[in-house]
Amino acid sequence: MQFEAIPNTASDATGGAGIQAAQTIANKGVKVVITGDVGPNASGALSAAGIAIVTGAFGTVKEVVDKFKRGELQRTGVPTVSRHFGIGRGLGR
């Protein structure tokens, strides 16, 4: 299994951050995204690009990958948070 942590350069965007982040990883040929949560814009963009979304991730990259391999993280086809959930919370910085 190959994995890469990709910085979210769209985290400071005032709008469309989820779509921009999804485009960044789609351009890398990603097949699966493992994340804590996913908002509606990112969910739609990732699904449209054929990228599987796995949520509920927390911990180190190694811990998260191990959880994924053991089947402890679940795929989702729907957003897990509302629009603008992370704005003003300092998430991703």
PDB file of N, CA and C in Angstrom:
ATOM      1  N   MET A   1       0.843  -1.166   0.000  1.00  0.00           N
ATOM      2  CA  MET A   1       0.000   0.000   0.000  1.00  0.00           C
ATOM      3  C   MET A   1       0.893   1.235   0.000  1.00  0.00           C
ATOM      4  N   GLN A   2       0.640   2.122  -0.943  1.00  0.00           N
ATOM      5  CA  GLN A   2       1.353   3.391  -0.974  1.00  0.00           C
ATOM      6  C   GLN A   2       0.475   4.455  -0.357  1.00  0.00           C
ATOM      7  N   PHE A   3       1.093   5.389   0.355  1.00  0.00           N
ATOM      8  CA  PHE A   3       0.333   6.517   0.865  1.00  0.00           C
ATOM      9  C   PHE A   3       1.212   7.746   0.870  1.00  0.00           C
ATOM     10  N   GLU A   4       0.565   8.873   0.857  1.00  0.00           N
ATOM     11  CA  GLU A   4       1.260  10.151   0.864  1.00  0.00           C
ATOM     12  C   GLU A   4       0.393  11.149   1.624  1.00  0.00           C
ATOM     13  N   ALA A   5       1.003  11.895   2.508  1.00  0.00           N
ATOM     14  CA  ALA A   5       0.299  12.981   3.182  1.00  0.00           C
ATOM     15  C   ALA A   5       0.465  14.222   2.307  1.00  0.00           C
ATOM     16  N   ILE A   6      -0.652  14.794   1.897  1.00  0.00           N
ATOM     17  CA  ILE A   6      -0.628  15.956   1.002  1.00  0.00           C
ATOM     18  C   ILE A   6      -1.121  17.165   1.786  1.00  0.00           C
ATOM     19  N   PRO A   7      -0.301  18.224   1.890  1.00  0.00           N
ATOM     20  CA  PRO A   7      -0.763  19.422   2.596  1.00  0.00           C
ATOM     21  C   PRO A   7      -1.998  20.014   1.919  1.00  0.00           C
ATOM     22  N   ASN A   8      -2.910  20.503   2.724  1.00  0.00           N
ATOM     23  CA  ASN A   8      -4.122  21.130   2.197  1.00  0.00           C
ATOM     24  C   ASN A   8      -3.837  22.611   1.961  1.00  0.00           C
ATOM     25  N   THR A   9      -3.392  22.943   0.770  1.00  0.00           N
ATOM     26  CA  THR A   9      -3.061  24.330   0.442  1.00  0.00           C
ATOM     27  C   THR A   9      -4.307  25.195   0.331  1.00  0.00           C
ATOM     28  N   ALA A  10      -5.475  24.585   0.318  1.00  0.00           N
ATOM     29  CA  ALA A  10      -6.730  25.332   0.224  1.00  0.00           C
ATOM     30  C   ALA A  10      -7.318  25.649   1.596  1.00  0.00           C
ATOM     31  N   SER A  11      -6.625  25.268   2.672  1.00  0.00           N
ATOM     32  CA  SER A  11      -7.206  25.417   4.011  1.00  0.00           C
ATOM     33  C   SER A  11      -7.495  26.865   4.392  1.00  0.00           C
ATOM     34  N   ASP A  12      -6.804  27.819   3.779  1.00  0.00           N
ATOM     35  CA  ASP A  12      -7.048  29.225   4.091  1.00  0.00           C
ATOM     36  C   ASP A  12      -7.998  29.895   3.096  1.00  0.00           C
ATOM     37  N   ALA A  13      -8.515  29.139   2.157  1.00  0.00           N
ATOM     38  CA  ALA A  13      -9.408  29.713   1.146  1.00  0.00           C
ATOM     39  C   ALA A  13     -10.685  30.229   1.794  1.00  0.00           C
ATOM     40  N   THR A  14     -11.193  31.327   1.276  1.00  0.00           N
ATOM     41  CA  THR A  14     -12.422  31.894   1.818  1.00  0.00           C
ATOM     42  C   THR A  14     -13.666  31.205   1.268  1.00  0.00           C
ATOM     43  N   GLY A  15     -13.509  30.419   0.243  1.00  0.00           N
ATOM     44  CA  GLY A  15     -14.623  29.669  -0.330  1.00  0.00           C
ATOM     45  C   GLY A  15     -14.104  28.593  -1.249  1.00  0.00           C
ATOM     46  N   GLY A  16     -14.805  27.493  -1.331  1.00  0.00           N
ATOM     47  CA  GLY A  16     -14.440  26.416  -2.244  1.00  0.00           C
ATOM     48  C   GLY A  16     -13.239  25.600  -1.822  1.00  0.00           C
ATOM     49  N   ALA A  17     -12.878  25.648  -0.529  1.00  0.00           N
ATOM     50  CA  ALA A  17     -11.697  24.927  -0.056  1.00  0.00           C
ATOM     51  C   ALA A  17     -11.824  23.423  -0.280  1.00  0.00           C
ATOM     52  N   GLY A  18     -13.008  22.873  -0.036  1.00  0.00           N
ATOM     53  CA  GLY A  18     -13.202  21.437  -0.216  1.00  0.00           C
ATOM     54  C   GLY A  18     -13.037  21.013  -1.656  1.00  0.00           C
ATOM     55  N   ILE A  19     -13.566  21.810  -2.553  1.00  0.00           N
ATOM     56  CA  ILE A  19     -13.446  21.500  -3.983  1.00  0.00           C
ATOM     57  C   ILE A  19     -11.998  21.615  -4.428  1.00  0.00           C
ATOM     58  N   GLN A  20     -11.296  22.666  -3.970  1.00  0.00           N
ATOM     59  CA  GLN A  20      -9.888  22.837  -4.333  1.00  0.00           C
ATOM     60  C   GLN A  20      -9.033  21.682  -3.813  1.00  0.00           C
ATOM     61  N   ALA A  21      -9.276  21.278  -2.576  1.00  0.00           N
ATOM     62  CA  ALA A  21      -8.532  20.166  -1.999  1.00  0.00           C
ATOM     63  C   ALA A  21      -8.805  18.875  -2.774  1.00  0.00           C
ATOM     64  N   ALA A  22     -10.050  18.651  -3.138  1.00  0.00           N
ATOM     65  CA  ALA A  22     -10.410  17.460  -3.906  1.00  0.00           C
ATOM     66  C   ALA A  22      -9.731  17.462  -5.273  1.00  0.00           C
ATOM     67  N   GLN A  23      -9.666  18.611  -5.922  1.00  0.00           N
ATOM     68  CA  GLN A  23      -9.003  18.700  -7.221  1.00  0.00           C
ATOM     69  C   GLN A  23      -7.514  18.403  -7.096  1.00  0.00           C
ATOM     70  N   THR A  24      -6.891  18.895  -6.024  1.00  0.00           N
ATOM     71  CA  THR A  24      -5.465  18.647  -5.799  1.00  0.00           C
ATOM     72  C   THR A  24      -5.179  17.156  -5.737  1.00  0.00           C
ATOM     73  N   ILE A  25      -5.962  16.432  -4.963  1.00  0.00           N
ATOM     74  CA  ILE A  25      -5.679  15.005  -4.833  1.00  0.00           C
ATOM     75  C   ILE A  25      -6.134  14.210  -6.050  1.00  0.00           C
ATOM     76  N   ALA A  26      -7.189  14.647  -6.710  1.00  0.00           N
ATOM     77  CA  ALA A  26      -7.617  13.959  -7.938  1.00  0.00           C
ATOM     78  C   ALA A  26      -6.513  14.059  -8.984  1.00  0.00           C
ATOM     79  N   ASN A  27      -5.837  15.201  -9.047  1.00  0.00           N
ATOM     80  CA  ASN A  27      -4.739  15.386 -10.002  1.00  0.00           C
ATOM     81  C   ASN A  27      -3.555  14.477  -9.705  1.00  0.00           C
ATOM     82  N   LYS A  28      -3.469  13.954  -8.499  1.00  0.00           N
ATOM     83  CA  LYS A  28      -2.391  13.035  -8.122  1.00  0.00           C
ATOM     84  C   LYS A  28      -2.760  11.580  -8.389  1.00  0.00           C
ATOM     85  N   GLY A  29      -3.974  11.324  -8.850  1.00  0.00           N
ATOM     86  CA  GLY A  29      -4.395   9.955  -9.146  1.00  0.00           C
ATOM     87  C   GLY A  29      -4.796   9.157  -7.916  1.00  0.00           C
ATOM     88  N   VAL A  30      -5.206   9.845  -6.876  1.00  0.00           N
ATOM     89  CA  VAL A  30      -5.585   9.197  -5.618  1.00  0.00           C
ATOM     90  C   VAL A  30      -6.813   8.305  -5.823  1.00  0.00           C
ATOM     91  N   LYS A  31      -6.819   7.158  -5.168  1.00  0.00           N
ATOM     92  CA  LYS A  31      -7.949   6.232  -5.243  1.00  0.00           C
ATOM     93  C   LYS A  31      -8.813   6.285  -3.980  1.00  0.00           C
ATOM     94  N   VAL A  32      -8.179   6.571  -2.815  1.00  0.00           N
ATOM     95  CA  VAL A  32      -8.874   6.605  -1.535  1.00  0.00           C
ATOM     96  C   VAL A  32      -8.357   7.795  -0.727  1.00  0.00           C
ATOM     97  N   VAL A  33      -9.281   8.530  -0.102  1.00  0.00           N
ATOM     98  CA  VAL A  33      -8.923   9.599   0.828  1.00  0.00           C
ATOM     99  C   VAL A  33      -9.331   9.149   2.217  1.00  0.00           C
ATOM    100  N   ILE A  34      -8.390   9.230   3.158  1.00  0.00           N
ATOM    101  CA  ILE A  34      -8.673   8.908   4.550  1.00  0.00           C
ATOM    102  C   ILE A  34      -8.597  10.219   5.321  1.00  0.00           C
ATOM    103  N   THR A  35      -9.684  10.553   5.995  1.00  0.00           N
ATOM    104  CA  THR A  35      -9.779  11.844   6.666  1.00  0.00           C
ATOM    105  C   THR A  35     -10.596  11.729   7.946  1.00  0.00           C
ATOM    106  N   GLY A  36     -10.541  12.774   8.750  1.00  0.00           N
ATOM    107  CA  GLY A  36     -11.381  12.797   9.945  1.00  0.00           C
ATOM    108  C   GLY A  36     -12.834  12.985   9.569  1.00  0.00           C
ATOM    109  N   ASP A  37     -13.092  14.034   8.818  1.00  0.00           N
ATOM    110  CA  ASP A  37     -14.446  14.363   8.370  1.00  0.00           C
ATOM    111  C   ASP A  37     -14.384  14.863   6.938  1.00  0.00           C
ATOM    112  N   VAL A  38     -15.538  14.909   6.291  1.00  0.00           N
ATOM    113  CA  VAL A  38     -15.613  15.437   4.925  1.00  0.00           C
ATOM    114  C   VAL A  38     -16.884  16.279   4.813  1.00  0.00           C
ATOM    115  N   GLY A  39     -16.715  17.469   4.242  1.00  0.00           N
ATOM    116  CA  GLY A  39     -17.858  18.363   4.043  1.00  0.00           C
ATOM    117  C   GLY A  39     -18.568  18.085   2.735  1.00  0.00           C
ATOM    118  N   PRO A  40     -19.690  18.766   2.515  1.00  0.00           N
ATOM    119  CA  PRO A  40     -20.504  18.486   1.335  1.00  0.00           C
ATOM    120  C   PRO A  40     -19.814  18.777   0.004  1.00  0.00           C
ATOM    121  N   ASN A  41     -19.074  19.882  -0.098  1.00  0.00           N
ATOM    122  CA  ASN A  41     -18.412  20.197  -1.365  1.00  0.00           C
ATOM    123  C   ASN A  41     -17.314  19.202  -1.688  1.00  0.00           C
ATOM    124  N   ALA A  42     -16.484  18.902  -0.696  1.00  0.00           N
ATOM    125  CA  ALA A  42     -15.412  17.930  -0.915  1.00  0.00           C
ATOM    126  C   ALA A  42     -15.987  16.551  -1.211  1.00  0.00           C
ATOM    127  N   SER A  43     -17.023  16.168  -0.488  1.00  0.00           N
ATOM    128  CA  SER A  43     -17.655  14.870  -0.705  1.00  0.00           C
ATOM    129  C   SER A  43     -18.150  14.741  -2.143  1.00  0.00           C
ATOM    130  N   GLY A  44     -18.826  15.773  -2.615  1.00  0.00           N
ATOM    131  CA  GLY A  44     -19.334  15.742  -3.984  1.00  0.00           C
ATOM    132  C   GLY A  44     -18.231  15.693  -5.016  1.00  0.00           C
ATOM    133  N   ALA A  45     -17.187  16.503  -4.806  1.00  0.00           N
ATOM    134  CA  ALA A  45     -16.078  16.548  -5.766  1.00  0.00           C
ATOM    135  C   ALA A  45     -15.293  15.243  -5.765  1.00  0.00           C
ATOM    136  N   LEU A  46     -15.048  14.681  -4.597  1.00  0.00           N
ATOM    137  CA  LEU A  46     -14.315  13.413  -4.516  1.00  0.00           C
ATOM    138  C   LEU A  46     -15.120  12.285  -5.153  1.00  0.00           C
ATOM    139  N   SER A  47     -16.395  12.226  -4.845  1.00  0.00           N
ATOM    140  CA  SER A  47     -17.251  11.184  -5.422  1.00  0.00           C
ATOM    141  C   SER A  47     -17.314  11.305  -6.933  1.00  0.00           C
ATOM    142  N   ALA A  48     -17.428  12.535  -7.441  1.00  0.00           N
ATOM    143  CA  ALA A  48     -17.477  12.755  -8.888  1.00  0.00           C
ATOM    144  C   ALA A  48     -16.184  12.313  -9.565  1.00  0.00           C
ATOM    145  N   ALA A  49     -15.067  12.411  -8.835  1.00  0.00           N
ATOM    146  CA  ALA A  49     -13.767  12.000  -9.383  1.00  0.00           C
ATOM    147  C   ALA A  49     -13.526  10.503  -9.210  1.00  0.00           C
ATOM    148  N   GLY A  50     -14.485   9.792  -8.590  1.00  0.00           N
ATOM    149  CA  GLY A  50     -14.334   8.352  -8.392  1.00  0.00           C
ATOM    150  C   GLY A  50     -13.394   7.988  -7.258  1.00  0.00           C
ATOM    151  N   ILE A  51     -13.183   8.910  -6.331  1.00  0.00           N
ATOM    152  CA  ILE A  51     -12.289   8.679  -5.201  1.00  0.00           C
ATOM    153  C   ILE A  51     -13.112   8.220  -3.999  1.00  0.00           C
ATOM    154  N   ALA A  52     -12.717   7.099  -3.414  1.00  0.00           N
ATOM    155  CA  ALA A  52     -13.389   6.584  -2.224  1.00  0.00           C
ATOM    156  C   ALA A  52     -13.049   7.471  -1.030  1.00  0.00           C
ATOM    157  N   ILE A  53     -14.012   7.669  -0.141  1.00  0.00           N
ATOM    158  CA  ILE A  53     -13.833   8.518   1.035  1.00  0.00           C
ATOM    159  C   ILE A  53     -13.965   7.655   2.283  1.00  0.00           C
ATOM    160  N   VAL A  54     -12.942   7.702   3.129  1.00  0.00           N
ATOM    161  CA  VAL A  54     -12.935   6.981   4.392  1.00  0.00           C
ATOM    162  C   VAL A  54     -12.818   8.020   5.501  1.00  0.00           C
ATOM    163  N   THR A  55     -13.743   7.999   6.446  1.00  0.00           N
ATOM    164  CA  THR A  55     -13.744   9.001   7.514  1.00  0.00           C
ATOM    165  C   THR A  55     -13.504   8.366   8.883  1.00  0.00           C
ATOM    166  N   GLY A  56     -13.369   9.236   9.875  1.00  0.00           N
ATOM    167  CA  GLY A  56     -13.170   8.779  11.245  1.00  0.00           C
ATOM    168  C   GLY A  56     -11.716   8.662  11.635  1.00  0.00           C
ATOM    169  N   ALA A  57     -10.818   9.162  10.804  1.00  0.00           N
ATOM    170  CA  ALA A  57      -9.390   9.033  11.055  1.00  0.00           C
ATOM    171  C   ALA A  57      -8.910  10.046  12.087  1.00  0.00           C
ATOM    172  N   PHE A  58      -8.047   9.593  12.989  1.00  0.00           N
ATOM    173  CA  PHE A  58      -7.337  10.465  13.917  1.00  0.00           C
ATOM    174  C   PHE A  58      -6.093   9.715  14.377  1.00  0.00           C
ATOM    175  N   GLY A  59      -5.086  10.457  14.802  1.00  0.00           N
ATOM    176  CA  GLY A  59      -3.837   9.848  15.241  1.00  0.00           C
ATOM    177  C   GLY A  59      -2.735  10.109  14.234  1.00  0.00           C
ATOM    178  N   THR A  60      -1.655   9.381  14.356  1.00  0.00           N
ATOM    179  CA  THR A  60      -0.539   9.522  13.425  1.00  0.00           C
ATOM    180  C   THR A  60      -0.881   8.867  12.094  1.00  0.00           C
ATOM    181  N   VAL A  61      -0.113   9.188  11.078  1.00  0.00           N
ATOM    182  CA  VAL A  61      -0.347   8.572   9.766  1.00  0.00           C
ATOM    183  C   VAL A  61      -0.243   7.051   9.886  1.00  0.00           C
ATOM    184  N   LYS A  62       0.772   6.559  10.578  1.00  0.00           N
ATOM    185  CA  LYS A  62       0.939   5.112  10.738  1.00  0.00           C
ATOM    186  C   LYS A  62      -0.271   4.492  11.435  1.00  0.00           C
ATOM    187  N   GLU A  63      -0.741   5.131  12.514  1.00  0.00           N
ATOM    188  CA  GLU A  63      -1.909   4.599  13.231  1.00  0.00           C
ATOM    189  C   GLU A  63      -3.137   4.558  12.326  1.00  0.00           C
ATOM    190  N   VAL A  64      -3.336   5.602  11.542  1.00  0.00           N
ATOM    191  CA  VAL A  64      -4.501   5.671  10.658  1.00  0.00           C
ATOM    192  C   VAL A  64      -4.405   4.617   9.564  1.00  0.00           C
ATOM    193  N   VAL A  65      -3.244   4.467   8.959  1.00  0.00           N
ATOM    194  CA  VAL A  65      -3.081   3.455   7.911  1.00  0.00           C
ATOM    195  C   VAL A  65      -3.309   2.060   8.485  1.00  0.00           C
ATOM    196  N   ASP A  66      -2.774   1.813   9.679  1.00  0.00           N
ATOM    197  CA  ASP A  66      -2.994   0.506  10.317  1.00  0.00           C
ATOM    198  C   ASP A  66      -4.481   0.257  10.583  1.00  0.00           C
ATOM    199  N   LYS A  67      -5.193   1.289  11.072  1.00  0.00           N
ATOM    200  CA  LYS A  67      -6.643   1.156  11.299  1.00  0.00           C
ATOM    201  C   LYS A  67      -7.367   0.851   9.992  1.00  0.00           C
ATOM    202  N   PHE A  68      -6.968   1.530   8.917  1.00  0.00           N
ATOM    203  CA  PHE A  68      -7.590   1.301   7.611  1.00  0.00           C
ATOM    204  C   PHE A  68      -7.356  -0.140   7.158  1.00  0.00           C
ATOM    205  N   LYS A  69      -6.135  -0.617   7.286  1.00  0.00           N
ATOM    206  CA  LYS A  69      -5.809  -1.989   6.882  1.00  0.00           C
ATOM    207  C   LYS A  69      -6.590  -3.028   7.687  1.00  0.00           C
ATOM    208  N   ARG A  70      -6.859  -2.717   8.955  1.00  0.00           N
ATOM    209  CA  ARG A  70      -7.618  -3.644   9.805  1.00  0.00           C
ATOM    210  C   ARG A  70      -9.128  -3.517   9.603  1.00  0.00           C
ATOM    211  N   GLY A  71      -9.557  -2.592   8.766  1.00  0.00           N
ATOM    212  CA  GLY A  71     -10.974  -2.417   8.505  1.00  0.00           C
ATOM    213  C   GLY A  71     -11.706  -1.654   9.591  1.00  0.00           C
ATOM    214  N   GLU A  72     -10.981  -0.881  10.384  1.00  0.00           N
ATOM    215  CA  GLU A  72     -11.587  -0.148  11.499  1.00  0.00           C
ATOM    216  C   GLU A  72     -12.137   1.221  11.085  1.00  0.00           C
ATOM    217  N   LEU A  73     -11.876   1.645   9.875  1.00  0.00           N
ATOM    218  CA  LEU A  73     -12.394   2.915   9.365  1.00  0.00           C
ATOM    219  C   LEU A  73     -13.409   2.610   8.274  1.00  0.00           C
ATOM    220  N   GLN A  74     -14.459   3.406   8.208  1.00  0.00           N
ATOM    221  CA  GLN A  74     -15.559   3.131   7.289  1.00  0.00           C
ATOM    222  C   GLN A  74     -15.594   4.085   6.106  1.00  0.00           C
ATOM    223  N   ARG A  75     -15.901   3.532   4.945  1.00  0.00           N
ATOM    224  CA  ARG A  75     -16.127   4.363   3.757  1.00  0.00           C
ATOM    225  C   ARG A  75     -17.474   5.062   3.883  1.00  0.00           C
ATOM    226  N   THR A  76     -17.561   6.235   3.286  1.00  0.00           N
ATOM    227  CA  THR A  76     -18.819   6.966   3.293  1.00  0.00           C
ATOM    228  C   THR A  76     -19.059   7.566   1.917  1.00  0.00           C
ATOM    229  N   GLY A  77     -20.295   7.766   1.598  1.00  0.00           N
ATOM    230  CA  GLY A  77     -20.663   8.418   0.349  1.00  0.00           C
ATOM    231  C   GLY A  77     -21.399   9.720   0.598  1.00  0.00           C
ATOM    232  N   VAL A  78     -21.435  10.125   1.870  1.00  0.00           N
ATOM    233  CA  VAL A  78     -22.158  11.339   2.249  1.00  0.00           C
ATOM    234  C   VAL A  78     -21.266  12.212   3.128  1.00  0.00           C
ATOM    235  N   PRO A  79     -21.535  13.521   3.174  1.00  0.00           N
ATOM    236  CA  PRO A  79     -20.763  14.400   4.059  1.00  0.00           C
ATOM    237  C   PRO A  79     -20.945  13.996   5.518  1.00  0.00           C
ATOM    238  N   THR A  80     -19.906  14.226   6.315  1.00  0.00           N
ATOM    239  CA  THR A  80     -19.998  13.913   7.744  1.00  0.00           C
ATOM    240  C   THR A  80     -20.082  15.176   8.596  1.00  0.00           C
ATOM    241  N   VAL A  81     -19.903  16.336   7.977  1.00  0.00           N
ATOM    242  CA  VAL A  81     -20.059  17.618   8.664  1.00  0.00           C
ATOM    243  C   VAL A  81     -20.812  18.567   7.743  1.00  0.00           C
ATOM    244  N   SER A  82     -21.326  19.643   8.334  1.00  0.00           N
ATOM    245  CA  SER A  82     -22.066  20.619   7.538  1.00  0.00           C
ATOM    246  C   SER A  82     -21.123  21.566   6.798  1.00  0.00           C
ATOM    247  N   ARG A  83     -21.682  22.301   5.889  1.00  0.00           N
ATOM    248  CA  ARG A  83     -20.956  23.304   5.119  1.00  0.00           C
ATOM    249  C   ARG A  83     -20.275  24.287   6.078  1.00  0.00           C
ATOM    250  N   HIS A  84     -19.036  24.671   5.763  1.00  0.00           N
ATOM    251  CA  HIS A  84     -18.255  25.654   6.523  1.00  0.00           C
ATOM    252  C   HIS A  84     -17.910  25.182   7.946  1.00  0.00           C
ATOM    253  N   PHE A  85     -17.908  23.895   8.196  1.00  0.00           N
ATOM    254  CA  PHE A  85     -17.658  23.344   9.524  1.00  0.00           C
ATOM    255  C   PHE A  85     -16.345  23.825  10.129  1.00  0.00           C
ATOM    256  N   GLY A  86     -15.247  23.820   9.370  1.00  0.00           N
ATOM    257  CA  GLY A  86     -13.933  24.138   9.925  1.00  0.00           C
ATOM    258  C   GLY A  86     -13.567  25.601   9.939  1.00  0.00           C
ATOM    259  N   ILE A  87     -14.366  26.452   9.360  1.00  0.00           N
ATOM    260  CA  ILE A  87     -14.023  27.879   9.275  1.00  0.00           C
ATOM    261  C   ILE A  87     -13.943  28.496  10.660  1.00  0.00           C
ATOM    262  N   GLY A  88     -12.819  29.175  10.907  1.00  0.00           N
ATOM    263  CA  GLY A  88     -12.627  29.873  12.169  1.00  0.00           C
ATOM    264  C   GLY A  88     -12.203  28.994  13.334  1.00  0.00           C
ATOM    265  N   ARG A  89     -11.970  27.713  13.083  1.00  0.00           N
ATOM    266  CA  ARG A  89     -11.593  26.805  14.171  1.00  0.00           C
ATOM    267  C   ARG A  89     -10.101  26.509  14.181  1.00  0.00           C
ATOM    268  N   GLY A  90      -9.370  27.033  13.172  1.00  0.00           N
ATOM    269  CA  GLY A  90      -7.934  26.765  13.123  1.00  0.00           C
ATOM    270  C   GLY A  90      -7.599  25.360  12.701  1.00  0.00           C
ATOM    271  N   LEU A  91      -8.539  24.642  12.110  1.00  0.00           N
ATOM    272  CA  LEU A  91      -8.291  23.276  11.680  1.00  0.00           C
ATOM    273  C   LEU A  91      -7.367  23.256  10.486  1.00  0.00           C
ATOM    274  N   GLY A  92      -6.511  22.271  10.433  1.00  0.00           N
ATOM    275  CA  GLY A  92      -5.642  22.095   9.284  1.00  0.00           C
ATOM    276  C   GLY A  92      -4.473  23.052   9.244  1.00  0.00           C
ATOM    277  N   ARG A  93      -4.229  23.750  10.331  1.00  0.00           N
ATOM    278  CA  ARG A  93      -3.115  24.713  10.342  1.00  0.00           C
ATOM    279  C   ARG A  93      -2.090  24.321  11.345  1.00  0.00           C
TER     280      ARG A  93
END
